[in-house]
C-alpha cells in the first residue's frame, strides 16, 4: 500500500537524478500518469469496478487534452463478455484514440491494457490492493504520453492508441477491438503492444514477435543502437511453453487474426501479480528510458514500413 503524496515526492526526487537525452517524451508527466494509475485510490483497476471507471475517465481526459480523434463515441468501445470465475456477464470499455498519418493509408495500432486484478486477501502487512504498477500502469502511462507526442508530431502511418480493458480476464478488450475494428484488418501494418515495461535488474527490455516477422529486426536494432537499455529479442519460439509470449498479452488477439505484432515487455519478477507491484518498486530511470526506446522503435518502424 503506497499513498500518492509520498509517491509524488518520490518520483520528483528520482527524476532529479537523471535525464533522457532525447526529450521526445515528457518524462515527469509520464511518471505522474503511472503514479496515479497505480495508486491505492484506483484499487487495482479491476474490470467492472468503480475504480476501473476512474482509470478510464483519466485516460479519456488525457486523450481529450491531446486532441486525439476517435472512431468511437467519446473514445469508448464497449463490449460484453462472460466471466467464468465470477459466473456473470461483465461490461468492459476500451479507450481508443486516433491520429491520422501524413502519407500511408496503413495503421499502426499501439496497445496497452489499463485493467489489473483489483483487491484480494490482506497480506502479512495488511495490504490487499494489487496496484499493478508494472502490470500495466507502466504500459498505459507510456501509451498516453505517446499519444500526446504523435498528436503534435504525426507519423507517416495513421496511429491508433488503444488502452484496453479486460486483459486480465482473457484479453477481452483486444478480442473486442479486432472483432469490431473500424477499418479492414488488412489496413493494420503492425500492432505494437506494451505490457510490463518499467523494471528489470539487468537493464533488459524484450521485444517478442520477430520470429514471425524478421523484417522488423533491422529497424529495431537501429533504433536501439544508442540506448542505455538492452533491447533483446526472443520469447516467441513455438513449442517453448511459458517462455513463448506470443499469446501472453493483448497482441495475442492480433496474432490470431494474422496481424503482424511486436510485444515490448520485461521478464516476470517477484512482484508480478502481487500486492507489492507498486510504484515504489519500479525503476524510474529504466522506465523512462524504456519508454523512449519504444518510441524510437515506433518512429523507425514508421519510416521503414512507409518504404513498402
C-alpha atoms as a PDB file:
ATOM      1  CA  UNK A   1       0.000   0.000   0.000  1.00  0.00           C
ATOM      2  CA  UNK A   2       1.519   3.262  -1.103  1.00  0.00           C
ATOM      3  CA  UNK A   3      -0.088   6.682  -0.953  1.00  0.00           C
ATOM      4  CA  UNK A   4       0.018   9.269  -3.753  1.00  0.00           C
ATOM      5  CA  UNK A   5       1.571  12.241  -1.858  1.00  0.00           C
ATOM      6  CA  UNK A   6       4.570  10.135  -0.885  1.00  0.00           C
ATOM      7  CA  UNK A   7       4.781   8.765  -4.415  1.00  0.00           C
ATOM      8  CA  UNK A   8       4.785  12.220  -5.969  1.00  0.00           C
ATOM      9  CA  UNK A   9       7.674  13.294  -3.754  1.00  0.00           C
ATOM     10  CA  UNK A  10       9.469  10.054  -4.555  1.00  0.00           C
ATOM     11  CA  UNK A  11       9.272  10.439  -8.331  1.00  0.00           C
ATOM     12  CA  UNK A  12      10.361  14.101  -8.186  1.00  0.00           C
ATOM     13  CA  UNK A  13      13.472  13.074  -6.247  1.00  0.00           C
ATOM     14  CA  UNK A  14      14.142  10.224  -8.674  1.00  0.00           C
ATOM     15  CA  UNK A  15      13.812  12.396 -11.750  1.00  0.00           C
ATOM     16  CA  UNK A  16      16.207  14.954 -10.313  1.00  0.00           C
ATOM     17  CA  UNK A  17      18.975  12.359 -10.643  1.00  0.00           C
ATOM     18  CA  UNK A  18      18.685  11.612 -14.339  1.00  0.00           C
ATOM     19  CA  UNK A  19      17.552  12.919 -17.682  1.00  0.00           C
ATOM     20  CA  UNK A  20      16.895  11.418 -21.091  1.00  0.00           C
ATOM     21  CA  UNK A  21      18.973  12.776 -23.944  1.00  0.00           C
ATOM     22  CA  UNK A  22      16.067  12.795 -26.386  1.00  0.00           C
ATOM     23  CA  UNK A  23      13.308  14.931 -24.915  1.00  0.00           C
ATOM     24  CA  UNK A  24      10.550  13.473 -27.068  1.00  0.00           C
ATOM     25  CA  UNK A  25       8.516  12.207 -24.121  1.00  0.00           C
ATOM     26  CA  UNK A  26       7.618  14.356 -21.130  1.00  0.00           C
ATOM     27  CA  UNK A  27       9.243  12.172 -18.504  1.00  0.00           C
ATOM     28  CA  UNK A  28       7.769  13.915 -15.456  1.00  0.00           C
ATOM     29  CA  UNK A  29       4.277  13.698 -16.927  1.00  0.00           C
ATOM     30  CA  UNK A  30       4.897  10.059 -17.829  1.00  0.00           C
ATOM     31  CA  UNK A  31       5.747   9.247 -14.225  1.00  0.00           C
ATOM     32  CA  UNK A  32       2.796  11.300 -12.971  1.00  0.00           C
ATOM     33  CA  UNK A  33       0.417   9.181 -15.062  1.00  0.00           C
ATOM     34  CA  UNK A  34       1.916   5.999 -13.676  1.00  0.00           C
ATOM     35  CA  UNK A  35       1.772   7.213 -10.080  1.00  0.00           C
ATOM     36  CA  UNK A  36      -1.948   7.905 -10.389  1.00  0.00           C
ATOM     37  CA  UNK A  37      -2.855   4.757 -12.301  1.00  0.00           C
ATOM     38  CA  UNK A  38      -1.055   2.559  -9.757  1.00  0.00           C
ATOM     39  CA  UNK A  39      -2.270   4.428  -6.665  1.00  0.00           C
ATOM     40  CA  UNK A  40      -4.344   2.890  -3.871  1.00  0.00           C
ATOM     41  CA  UNK A  41      -7.156   5.201  -4.947  1.00  0.00           C
ATOM     42  CA  UNK A  42      -7.725   3.048  -8.034  1.00  0.00           C
ATOM     43  CA  UNK A  43      -7.704  -0.229  -6.071  1.00  0.00           C
ATOM     44  CA  UNK A  44      -6.151  -2.342  -8.798  1.00  0.00           C
ATOM     45  CA  UNK A  45      -8.394  -1.154 -11.678  1.00  0.00           C
ATOM     46  CA  UNK A  46     -10.301  -4.428 -11.970  1.00  0.00           C
ATOM     47  CA  UNK A  47     -12.692  -4.574 -14.921  1.00  0.00           C
ATOM     48  CA  UNK A  48     -16.249  -3.705 -13.908  1.00  0.00           C
ATOM     49  CA  UNK A  49     -15.337  -1.760 -10.756  1.00  0.00           C
ATOM     50  CA  UNK A  50     -15.781   1.959  -9.997  1.00  0.00           C
ATOM     51  CA  UNK A  51     -12.001   2.273  -9.797  1.00  0.00           C
ATOM     52  CA  UNK A  52     -11.606   0.831 -13.288  1.00  0.00           C
ATOM     53  CA  UNK A  53     -14.030   3.554 -14.384  1.00  0.00           C
ATOM     54  CA  UNK A  54     -11.826   6.185 -12.695  1.00  0.00           C
ATOM     55  CA  UNK A  55      -8.810   4.937 -14.623  1.00  0.00           C
ATOM     56  CA  UNK A  56     -10.772   5.000 -17.853  1.00  0.00           C
ATOM     57  CA  UNK A  57     -12.000   8.542 -17.241  1.00  0.00           C
ATOM     58  CA  UNK A  58      -8.421   9.631 -16.609  1.00  0.00           C
ATOM     59  CA  UNK A  59      -7.260   8.180 -19.928  1.00  0.00           C
ATOM     60  CA  UNK A  60     -10.178   9.772 -21.788  1.00  0.00           C
ATOM     61  CA  UNK A  61      -9.332  13.130 -20.217  1.00  0.00           C
ATOM     62  CA  UNK A  62      -5.715  12.856 -21.353  1.00  0.00           C
ATOM     63  CA  UNK A  63      -6.748  11.883 -24.894  1.00  0.00           C
ATOM     64  CA  UNK A  64      -9.043  14.915 -24.964  1.00  0.00           C
ATOM     65  CA  UNK A  65      -6.229  17.208 -23.797  1.00  0.00           C
ATOM     66  CA  UNK A  66      -4.024  15.878 -26.583  1.00  0.00           C
ATOM     67  CA  UNK A  67      -6.748  16.467 -29.161  1.00  0.00           C
ATOM     68  CA  UNK A  68      -6.969  12.887 -30.390  1.00  0.00           C
ATOM     69  CA  UNK A  69      -9.712  11.834 -32.775  1.00  0.00           C
ATOM     70  CA  UNK A  70     -11.570   8.544 -32.478  1.00  0.00           C
ATOM     71  CA  UNK A  71     -13.809   6.234 -34.447  1.00  0.00           C
ATOM     72  CA  UNK A  72     -15.782   5.561 -31.256  1.00  0.00           C
ATOM     73  CA  UNK A  73     -18.158   7.922 -29.394  1.00  0.00           C
ATOM     74  CA  UNK A  74     -16.307   9.631 -26.538  1.00  0.00           C
ATOM     75  CA  UNK A  75     -13.298   7.387 -27.308  1.00  0.00           C
ATOM     76  CA  UNK A  76     -15.107   4.386 -25.808  1.00  0.00           C
ATOM     77  CA  UNK A  77     -15.632   0.971 -27.362  1.00  0.00           C
ATOM     78  CA  UNK A  78     -17.983  -1.004 -25.130  1.00  0.00           C
ATOM     79  CA  UNK A  79     -18.096  -4.796 -25.105  1.00  0.00           C
ATOM     80  CA  UNK A  80     -19.565  -7.607 -23.037  1.00  0.00           C
ATOM     81  CA  UNK A  81     -18.086 -10.957 -22.114  1.00  0.00           C
ATOM     82  CA  UNK A  82     -18.883 -13.829 -19.779  1.00  0.00           C
ATOM     83  CA  UNK A  83     -16.521 -14.173 -16.835  1.00  0.00           C
ATOM     84  CA  UNK A  84     -16.435 -17.805 -15.753  1.00  0.00           C
ATOM     85  CA  UNK A  85     -14.759 -17.152 -12.419  1.00  0.00           C
ATOM     86  CA  UNK A  86     -17.478 -14.710 -11.349  1.00  0.00           C
ATOM     87  CA  UNK A  87     -20.229 -16.557 -13.197  1.00  0.00           C
ATOM     88  CA  UNK A  88     -21.684 -13.467 -14.841  1.00  0.00           C
ATOM     89  CA  UNK A  89     -21.518 -11.221 -17.871  1.00  0.00           C
ATOM     90  CA  UNK A  90     -19.326  -8.154 -17.465  1.00  0.00           C
ATOM     91  CA  UNK A  91     -19.038  -4.959 -19.458  1.00  0.00           C
ATOM     92  CA  UNK A  92     -15.636  -3.650 -20.444  1.00  0.00           C
ATOM     93  CA  UNK A  93     -14.653  -0.472 -22.249  1.00  0.00           C
ATOM     94  CA  UNK A  94     -11.616   0.199 -24.389  1.00  0.00           C
ATOM     95  CA  UNK A  95     -10.363   3.769 -24.747  1.00  0.00           C
ATOM     96  CA  UNK A  96      -9.385   4.371 -28.369  1.00  0.00           C
ATOM     97  CA  UNK A  97      -7.753   7.461 -29.869  1.00  0.00           C
ATOM     98  CA  UNK A  98      -6.559   8.102 -33.405  1.00  0.00           C
ATOM     99  CA  UNK A  99      -4.013  10.332 -35.142  1.00  0.00           C
ATOM    100  CA  UNK A 100      -4.130  10.466 -38.944  1.00  0.00           C
ATOM    101  CA  UNK A 101      -0.898   9.785 -40.804  1.00  0.00           C
ATOM    102  CA  UNK A 102       0.769  12.098 -43.284  1.00  0.00           C
ATOM    103  CA  UNK A 103       1.477   9.550 -46.037  1.00  0.00           C
ATOM    104  CA  UNK A 104       0.498   5.904 -45.659  1.00  0.00           C
ATOM    105  CA  UNK A 105      -3.073   4.606 -45.634  1.00  0.00           C
ATOM    106  CA  UNK A 106      -1.970   1.828 -43.292  1.00  0.00           C
ATOM    107  CA  UNK A 107      -2.382   1.929 -39.497  1.00  0.00           C
ATOM    108  CA  UNK A 108      -0.042   1.097 -36.639  1.00  0.00           C
ATOM    109  CA  UNK A 109      -2.131   0.069 -33.626  1.00  0.00           C
ATOM    110  CA  UNK A 110      -0.421   0.776 -30.288  1.00  0.00           C
ATOM    111  CA  UNK A 111      -1.939  -1.057 -27.334  1.00  0.00           C
ATOM    112  CA  UNK A 112      -1.607  -1.368 -23.559  1.00  0.00           C
ATOM    113  CA  UNK A 113      -4.125  -2.769 -21.096  1.00  0.00           C
ATOM    114  CA  UNK A 114      -5.202  -0.499 -18.258  1.00  0.00           C
ATOM    115  CA  UNK A 115      -7.048  -3.052 -16.115  1.00  0.00           C
ATOM    116  CA  UNK A 116      -5.468  -5.136 -13.360  1.00  0.00           C
ATOM    117  CA  UNK A 117      -6.733  -7.674 -10.812  1.00  0.00           C
ATOM    118  CA  UNK A 118      -8.230  -5.444  -8.113  1.00  0.00           C
ATOM    119  CA  UNK A 119      -8.343  -6.221  -4.395  1.00  0.00           C
ATOM    120  CA  UNK A 120      -7.654  -9.573  -2.728  1.00  0.00           C
ATOM    121  CA  UNK A 121      -6.832 -11.030   0.661  1.00  0.00           C
ATOM    122  CA  UNK A 122      -4.652  -8.994   3.009  1.00  0.00           C
ATOM    123  CA  UNK A 123      -1.018  -9.975   3.263  1.00  0.00           C
ATOM    124  CA  UNK A 124       1.057 -10.020   6.462  1.00  0.00           C
ATOM    125  CA  UNK A 125       1.417  -6.238   6.297  1.00  0.00           C
ATOM    126  CA  UNK A 126      -2.322  -5.720   5.897  1.00  0.00           C
ATOM    127  CA  UNK A 127      -2.153  -4.753   2.211  1.00  0.00           C
ATOM    128  CA  UNK A 128      -4.851  -6.132  -0.069  1.00  0.00           C
ATOM    129  CA  UNK A 129      -4.577  -3.831  -3.108  1.00  0.00           C
ATOM    130  CA  UNK A 130      -2.982  -5.224  -6.241  1.00  0.00           C
ATOM    131  CA  UNK A 131      -1.811  -1.865  -7.589  1.00  0.00           C
ATOM    132  CA  UNK A 132      -0.447  -3.201 -10.874  1.00  0.00           C
ATOM    133  CA  UNK A 133       2.289  -0.602 -11.290  1.00  0.00           C
ATOM    134  CA  UNK A 134       4.404  -2.565 -13.743  1.00  0.00           C
ATOM    135  CA  UNK A 135       1.381  -4.611 -14.856  1.00  0.00           C
ATOM    136  CA  UNK A 136       0.265  -2.477 -16.554  1.00  0.00           C
ATOM    137  CA  UNK A 137       0.119   1.106 -15.347  1.00  0.00           C
ATOM    138  CA  UNK A 138       3.552   1.298 -16.969  1.00  0.00           C
ATOM    139  CA  UNK A 139       2.363   0.495 -20.486  1.00  0.00           C
ATOM    140  CA  UNK A 140      -0.771   2.608 -20.125  1.00  0.00           C
ATOM    141  CA  UNK A 141       1.120   5.705 -18.980  1.00  0.00           C
ATOM    142  CA  UNK A 142       3.523   5.328 -21.901  1.00  0.00           C
ATOM    143  CA  UNK A 143       0.594   4.918 -24.295  1.00  0.00           C
ATOM    144  CA  UNK A 144      -0.887   8.200 -23.020  1.00  0.00           C
ATOM    145  CA  UNK A 145       2.397  10.042 -23.490  1.00  0.00           C
ATOM    146  CA  UNK A 146       2.995   8.566 -26.932  1.00  0.00           C
ATOM    147  CA  UNK A 147      -0.476   9.661 -27.989  1.00  0.00           C
ATOM    148  CA  UNK A 148       0.346  13.213 -26.934  1.00  0.00           C
ATOM    149  CA  UNK A 149       3.694  13.103 -28.735  1.00  0.00           C
ATOM    150  CA  UNK A 150       2.236  11.892 -32.025  1.00  0.00           C
ATOM    151  CA  UNK A 151      -0.715  14.287 -31.827  1.00  0.00           C
ATOM    152  CA  UNK A 152       1.921  17.033 -32.011  1.00  0.00           C
ATOM    153  CA  UNK A 153       4.228  15.145 -34.397  1.00  0.00           C
ATOM    154  CA  UNK A 154       2.125  12.999 -36.763  1.00  0.00           C
ATOM    155  CA  UNK A 155       3.742   9.880 -38.185  1.00  0.00           C
ATOM    156  CA  UNK A 156       3.647   8.749 -41.792  1.00  0.00           C
ATOM    157  CA  UNK A 157       1.224   5.993 -40.802  1.00  0.00           C
ATOM    158  CA  UNK A 158      -2.041   6.642 -39.048  1.00  0.00           C
ATOM    159  CA  UNK A 159      -1.745   5.631 -35.411  1.00  0.00           C
ATOM    160  CA  UNK A 160      -4.431   4.128 -33.228  1.00  0.00           C
ATOM    161  CA  UNK A 161      -3.882   4.271 -29.460  1.00  0.00           C
ATOM    162  CA  UNK A 162      -5.955   1.657 -27.657  1.00  0.00           C
ATOM    163  CA  UNK A 163      -5.979   1.446 -23.857  1.00  0.00           C
ATOM    164  CA  UNK A 164      -7.571  -1.962 -23.494  1.00  0.00           C
ATOM    165  CA  UNK A 165      -9.813  -3.338 -20.763  1.00  0.00           C
ATOM    166  CA  UNK A 166     -10.271  -6.931 -19.635  1.00  0.00           C
ATOM    167  CA  UNK A 167      -6.781  -8.233 -20.424  1.00  0.00           C
ATOM    168  CA  UNK A 168      -6.508  -9.937 -17.052  1.00  0.00           C
ATOM    169  CA  UNK A 169      -9.741 -11.817 -17.804  1.00  0.00           C
ATOM    170  CA  UNK A 170      -8.581 -13.290 -21.084  1.00  0.00           C
ATOM    171  CA  UNK A 171      -7.543 -10.497 -23.475  1.00  0.00           C
ATOM    172  CA  UNK A 172     -11.189  -9.484 -23.718  1.00  0.00           C
ATOM    173  CA  UNK A 173     -10.622  -5.882 -24.798  1.00  0.00           C
ATOM    174  CA  UNK A 174      -8.159  -6.855 -27.507  1.00  0.00           C
ATOM    175  CA  UNK A 175     -10.517  -9.531 -28.802  1.00  0.00           C
ATOM    176  CA  UNK A 176     -13.337  -6.986 -28.932  1.00  0.00           C
ATOM    177  CA  UNK A 177     -11.157  -4.496 -30.793  1.00  0.00           C
ATOM    178  CA  UNK A 178     -10.110  -6.898 -33.549  1.00  0.00           C
ATOM    179  CA  UNK A 179     -13.650  -8.266 -33.891  1.00  0.00           C
ATOM    180  CA  UNK A 180     -15.170  -4.790 -34.229  1.00  0.00           C
ATOM    181  CA  UNK A 181     -12.294  -2.904 -35.812  1.00  0.00           C
ATOM    182  CA  UNK A 182     -13.421   0.321 -37.530  1.00  0.00           C
ATOM    183  CA  UNK A 183     -11.326  -0.464 -40.634  1.00  0.00           C
ATOM    184  CA  UNK A 184     -10.464  -3.627 -42.543  1.00  0.00           C
ATOM    185  CA  UNK A 185      -7.923  -5.620 -40.543  1.00  0.00           C
ATOM    186  CA  UNK A 186      -5.769  -5.640 -43.674  1.00  0.00           C
ATOM    187  CA  UNK A 187      -5.260  -1.920 -43.071  1.00  0.00           C
ATOM    188  CA  UNK A 188      -3.188  -2.689 -39.963  1.00  0.00           C
ATOM    189  CA  UNK A 189       0.516  -2.594 -40.766  1.00  0.00           C
ATOM    190  CA  UNK A 190       1.528  -3.554 -37.237  1.00  0.00           C
ATOM    191  CA  UNK A 191       0.348  -3.937 -33.657  1.00  0.00           C
ATOM    192  CA  UNK A 192       2.787  -2.670 -31.025  1.00  0.00           C
ATOM    193  CA  UNK A 193       1.801  -3.883 -27.565  1.00  0.00           C
ATOM    194  CA  UNK A 194       3.303  -2.707 -24.265  1.00  0.00           C
ATOM    195  CA  UNK A 195       2.798  -4.704 -21.081  1.00  0.00           C
ATOM    196  CA  UNK A 196       5.176  -4.503 -18.089  1.00  0.00           C
ATOM    197  CA  UNK A 197       7.972  -2.159 -19.177  1.00  0.00           C
ATOM    198  CA  UNK A 198       9.143  -0.418 -16.000  1.00  0.00           C
ATOM    199  CA  UNK A 199      11.650  -2.641 -14.202  1.00  0.00           C
ATOM    200  CA  UNK A 200      14.450  -5.084 -14.883  1.00  0.00           C
ATOM    201  CA  UNK A 201      17.569  -5.567 -12.788  1.00  0.00           C
ATOM    202  CA  UNK A 202      19.696  -6.306 -15.859  1.00  0.00           C
ATOM    203  CA  UNK A 203      18.526  -3.265 -17.802  1.00  0.00           C
ATOM    204  CA  UNK A 204      16.885  -5.504 -20.408  1.00  0.00           C
ATOM    205  CA  UNK A 205      13.705  -4.935 -22.379  1.00  0.00           C
ATOM    206  CA  UNK A 206      12.421  -7.707 -24.609  1.00  0.00           C
ATOM    207  CA  UNK A 207      10.683  -7.372 -27.928  1.00  0.00           C
ATOM    208  CA  UNK A 208       8.792 -10.500 -28.898  1.00  0.00           C
ATOM    209  CA  UNK A 209       7.486 -11.200 -32.382  1.00  0.00           C
ATOM    210  CA  UNK A 210      10.478 -11.053 -34.712  1.00  0.00           C
ATOM    211  CA  UNK A 211      10.469 -14.855 -35.002  1.00  0.00           C
ATOM    212  CA  UNK A 212       7.322 -14.403 -37.073  1.00  0.00           C
ATOM    213  CA  UNK A 213       8.279 -11.036 -38.541  1.00  0.00           C
ATOM    214  CA  UNK A 214      12.073 -10.889 -39.001  1.00  0.00           C
ATOM    215  CA  UNK A 215      11.647  -7.971 -41.407  1.00  0.00           C
ATOM    216  CA  UNK A 216      11.211  -5.682 -38.382  1.00  0.00           C
ATOM    217  CA  UNK A 217      14.515  -6.596 -36.758  1.00  0.00           C
ATOM    218  CA  UNK A 218      16.869  -4.207 -38.635  1.00  0.00           C
ATOM    219  CA  UNK A 219      14.739  -1.153 -37.779  1.00  0.00           C
ATOM    220  CA  UNK A 220      14.536  -2.245 -34.143  1.00  0.00           C
ATOM    221  CA  UNK A 221      18.285  -2.802 -33.908  1.00  0.00           C
ATOM    222  CA  UNK A 222      18.943   0.601 -35.432  1.00  0.00           C
ATOM    223  CA  UNK A 223      16.555   2.318 -33.016  1.00  0.00           C
ATOM    224  CA  UNK A 224      18.179   0.618 -30.026  1.00  0.00           C
ATOM    225  CA  UNK A 225      21.786   1.240 -31.035  1.00  0.00           C
ATOM    226  CA  UNK A 226      22.300   4.303 -28.832  1.00  0.00           C
ATOM    227  CA  UNK A 227      20.021   3.326 -25.955  1.00  0.00           C
ATOM    228  CA  UNK A 228      21.219   2.542 -22.450  1.00  0.00           C
ATOM    229  CA  UNK A 229      18.541  -0.152 -22.403  1.00  0.00           C
ATOM    230  CA  UNK A 230      19.457  -3.552 -23.827  1.00  0.00           C
ATOM    231  CA  UNK A 231      16.797  -4.465 -26.377  1.00  0.00           C
ATOM    232  CA  UNK A 232      16.685  -8.245 -26.542  1.00  0.00           C
ATOM    233  CA  UNK A 233      14.848 -10.469 -28.996  1.00  0.00           C
ATOM    234  CA  UNK A 234      13.082 -13.684 -28.086  1.00  0.00           C
ATOM    235  CA  UNK A 235      10.249 -15.249 -26.117  1.00  0.00           C
ATOM    236  CA  UNK A 236       8.457 -16.030 -29.372  1.00  0.00           C
ATOM    237  CA  UNK A 237       9.582 -19.535 -30.370  1.00  0.00           C
ATOM    238  CA  UNK A 238       6.699 -22.026 -30.801  1.00  0.00           C
ATOM    239  CA  UNK A 239       6.798 -25.085 -28.577  1.00  0.00           C
ATOM    240  CA  UNK A 240       8.688 -23.443 -25.713  1.00  0.00           C
ATOM    241  CA  UNK A 241       5.736 -23.331 -23.320  1.00  0.00           C
ATOM    242  CA  UNK A 242       5.575 -20.388 -20.934  1.00  0.00           C
ATOM    243  CA  UNK A 243       8.747 -18.988 -22.488  1.00  0.00           C
ATOM    244  CA  UNK A 244       6.717 -18.207 -25.627  1.00  0.00           C
ATOM    245  CA  UNK A 245       4.948 -14.868 -25.083  1.00  0.00           C
ATOM    246  CA  UNK A 246       3.104 -14.874 -28.414  1.00  0.00           C
ATOM    247  CA  UNK A 247      -0.315 -15.171 -26.772  1.00  0.00           C
ATOM    248  CA  UNK A 248       0.554 -13.859 -23.307  1.00  0.00           C
ATOM    249  CA  UNK A 249      -0.934 -10.370 -23.663  1.00  0.00           C
ATOM    250  CA  UNK A 250      -3.189  -8.340 -25.945  1.00  0.00           C
ATOM    251  CA  UNK A 251      -1.014  -8.800 -29.029  1.00  0.00           C
ATOM    252  CA  UNK A 252      -2.211 -12.408 -28.960  1.00  0.00           C
ATOM    253  CA  UNK A 253      -5.610 -11.334 -30.282  1.00  0.00           C
ATOM    254  CA  UNK A 254      -3.898  -9.652 -33.247  1.00  0.00           C
ATOM    255  CA  UNK A 255      -1.695 -12.707 -33.812  1.00  0.00           C
ATOM    256  CA  UNK A 256      -4.803 -14.893 -34.036  1.00  0.00           C
ATOM    257  CA  UNK A 257      -6.068 -12.622 -36.825  1.00  0.00           C
ATOM    258  CA  UNK A 258      -2.706 -12.859 -38.627  1.00  0.00           C
ATOM    259  CA  UNK A 259      -1.913  -9.196 -37.954  1.00  0.00           C
ATOM    260  CA  UNK A 260       1.837  -8.520 -37.545  1.00  0.00           C
ATOM    261  CA  UNK A 261       2.756  -7.751 -33.938  1.00  0.00           C
ATOM    262  CA  UNK A 262       5.619  -6.727 -31.698  1.00  0.00           C
ATOM    263  CA  UNK A 263       5.353  -7.016 -27.938  1.00  0.00           C
ATOM    264  CA  UNK A 264       7.578  -4.987 -25.610  1.00  0.00           C
ATOM    265  CA  UNK A 265       7.908  -6.210 -22.032  1.00  0.00           C
ATOM    266  CA  UNK A 266      10.202  -7.413 -19.280  1.00  0.00           C
ATOM    267  CA  UNK A 267      10.545 -10.882 -17.867  1.00  0.00           C
ATOM    268  CA  UNK A 268       8.460 -11.738 -14.804  1.00  0.00           C
ATOM    269  CA  UNK A 269       9.724 -10.523 -11.439  1.00  0.00           C
ATOM    270  CA  UNK A 270       8.953 -11.318  -7.806  1.00  0.00           C
ATOM    271  CA  UNK A 271       6.172  -8.714  -7.622  1.00  0.00           C
ATOM    272  CA  UNK A 272       4.247  -9.958 -10.667  1.00  0.00           C
ATOM    273  CA  UNK A 273       0.559 -10.259  -9.674  1.00  0.00           C
ATOM    274  CA  UNK A 274       1.410  -9.466  -6.056  1.00  0.00           C
ATOM    275  CA  UNK A 275       0.286  -6.586  -3.833  1.00  0.00           C
ATOM    276  CA  UNK A 276       3.932  -5.499  -3.937  1.00  0.00           C
ATOM    277  CA  UNK A 277       3.672  -4.467  -7.603  1.00  0.00           C
ATOM    278  CA  UNK A 278       3.694  -0.823  -6.518  1.00  0.00           C
ATOM    279  CA  UNK A 279       5.309   2.283  -7.919  1.00  0.00           C
ATOM    280  CA  UNK A 280       7.932   2.307  -5.156  1.00  0.00           C
ATOM    281  CA  UNK A 281       9.308  -0.957  -6.573  1.00  0.00           C
ATOM    282  CA  UNK A 282       9.730   0.124 -10.190  1.00  0.00           C
ATOM    283  CA  UNK A 283      12.894   1.692 -11.589  1.00  0.00           C
ATOM    284  CA  UNK A 284      12.000   5.213 -12.786  1.00  0.00           C
ATOM    285  CA  UNK A 285      15.202   5.659 -14.787  1.00  0.00           C
ATOM    286  CA  UNK A 286      14.789   2.315 -16.559  1.00  0.00           C
ATOM    287  CA  UNK A 287      11.117   3.040 -17.184  1.00  0.00           C
ATOM    288  CA  UNK A 288      11.629   6.439 -18.794  1.00  0.00           C
ATOM    289  CA  UNK A 289      14.469   5.150 -20.963  1.00  0.00           C
ATOM    290  CA  UNK A 290      12.497   2.050 -21.949  1.00  0.00           C
ATOM    291  CA  UNK A 291       9.536   4.224 -22.929  1.00  0.00           C
ATOM    292  CA  UNK A 292      11.809   6.430 -25.014  1.00  0.00           C
ATOM    293  CA  UNK A 293      13.323   3.345 -26.646  1.00  0.00           C
ATOM    294  CA  UNK A 294       9.898   2.023 -27.627  1.00  0.00           C
ATOM    295  CA  UNK A 295       9.008   5.410 -29.081  1.00  0.00           C
ATOM    296  CA  UNK A 296      12.239   5.372 -31.092  1.00  0.00           C
ATOM    297  CA  UNK A 297      11.385   1.879 -32.334  1.00  0.00           C
ATOM    298  CA  UNK A 298       7.952   3.034 -33.486  1.00  0.00           C
ATOM    299  CA  UNK A 299       9.499   6.000 -35.283  1.00  0.00           C
ATOM    300  CA  UNK A 300      11.978   3.701 -37.046  1.00  0.00           C
ATOM    301  CA  UNK A 301       9.271   1.205 -37.975  1.00  0.00           C
ATOM    302  CA  UNK A 302       7.062   4.002 -39.277  1.00  0.00           C
ATOM    303  CA  UNK A 303       9.849   5.077 -41.620  1.00  0.00           C
ATOM    304  CA  UNK A 304      10.717   1.520 -42.641  1.00  0.00           C
ATOM    305  CA  UNK A 305       7.144   0.418 -43.341  1.00  0.00           C
ATOM    306  CA  UNK A 306       6.470   3.562 -45.366  1.00  0.00           C
ATOM    307  CA  UNK A 307       9.018   2.331 -47.924  1.00  0.00           C
ATOM    308  CA  UNK A 308       6.876  -0.695 -48.795  1.00  0.00           C
END
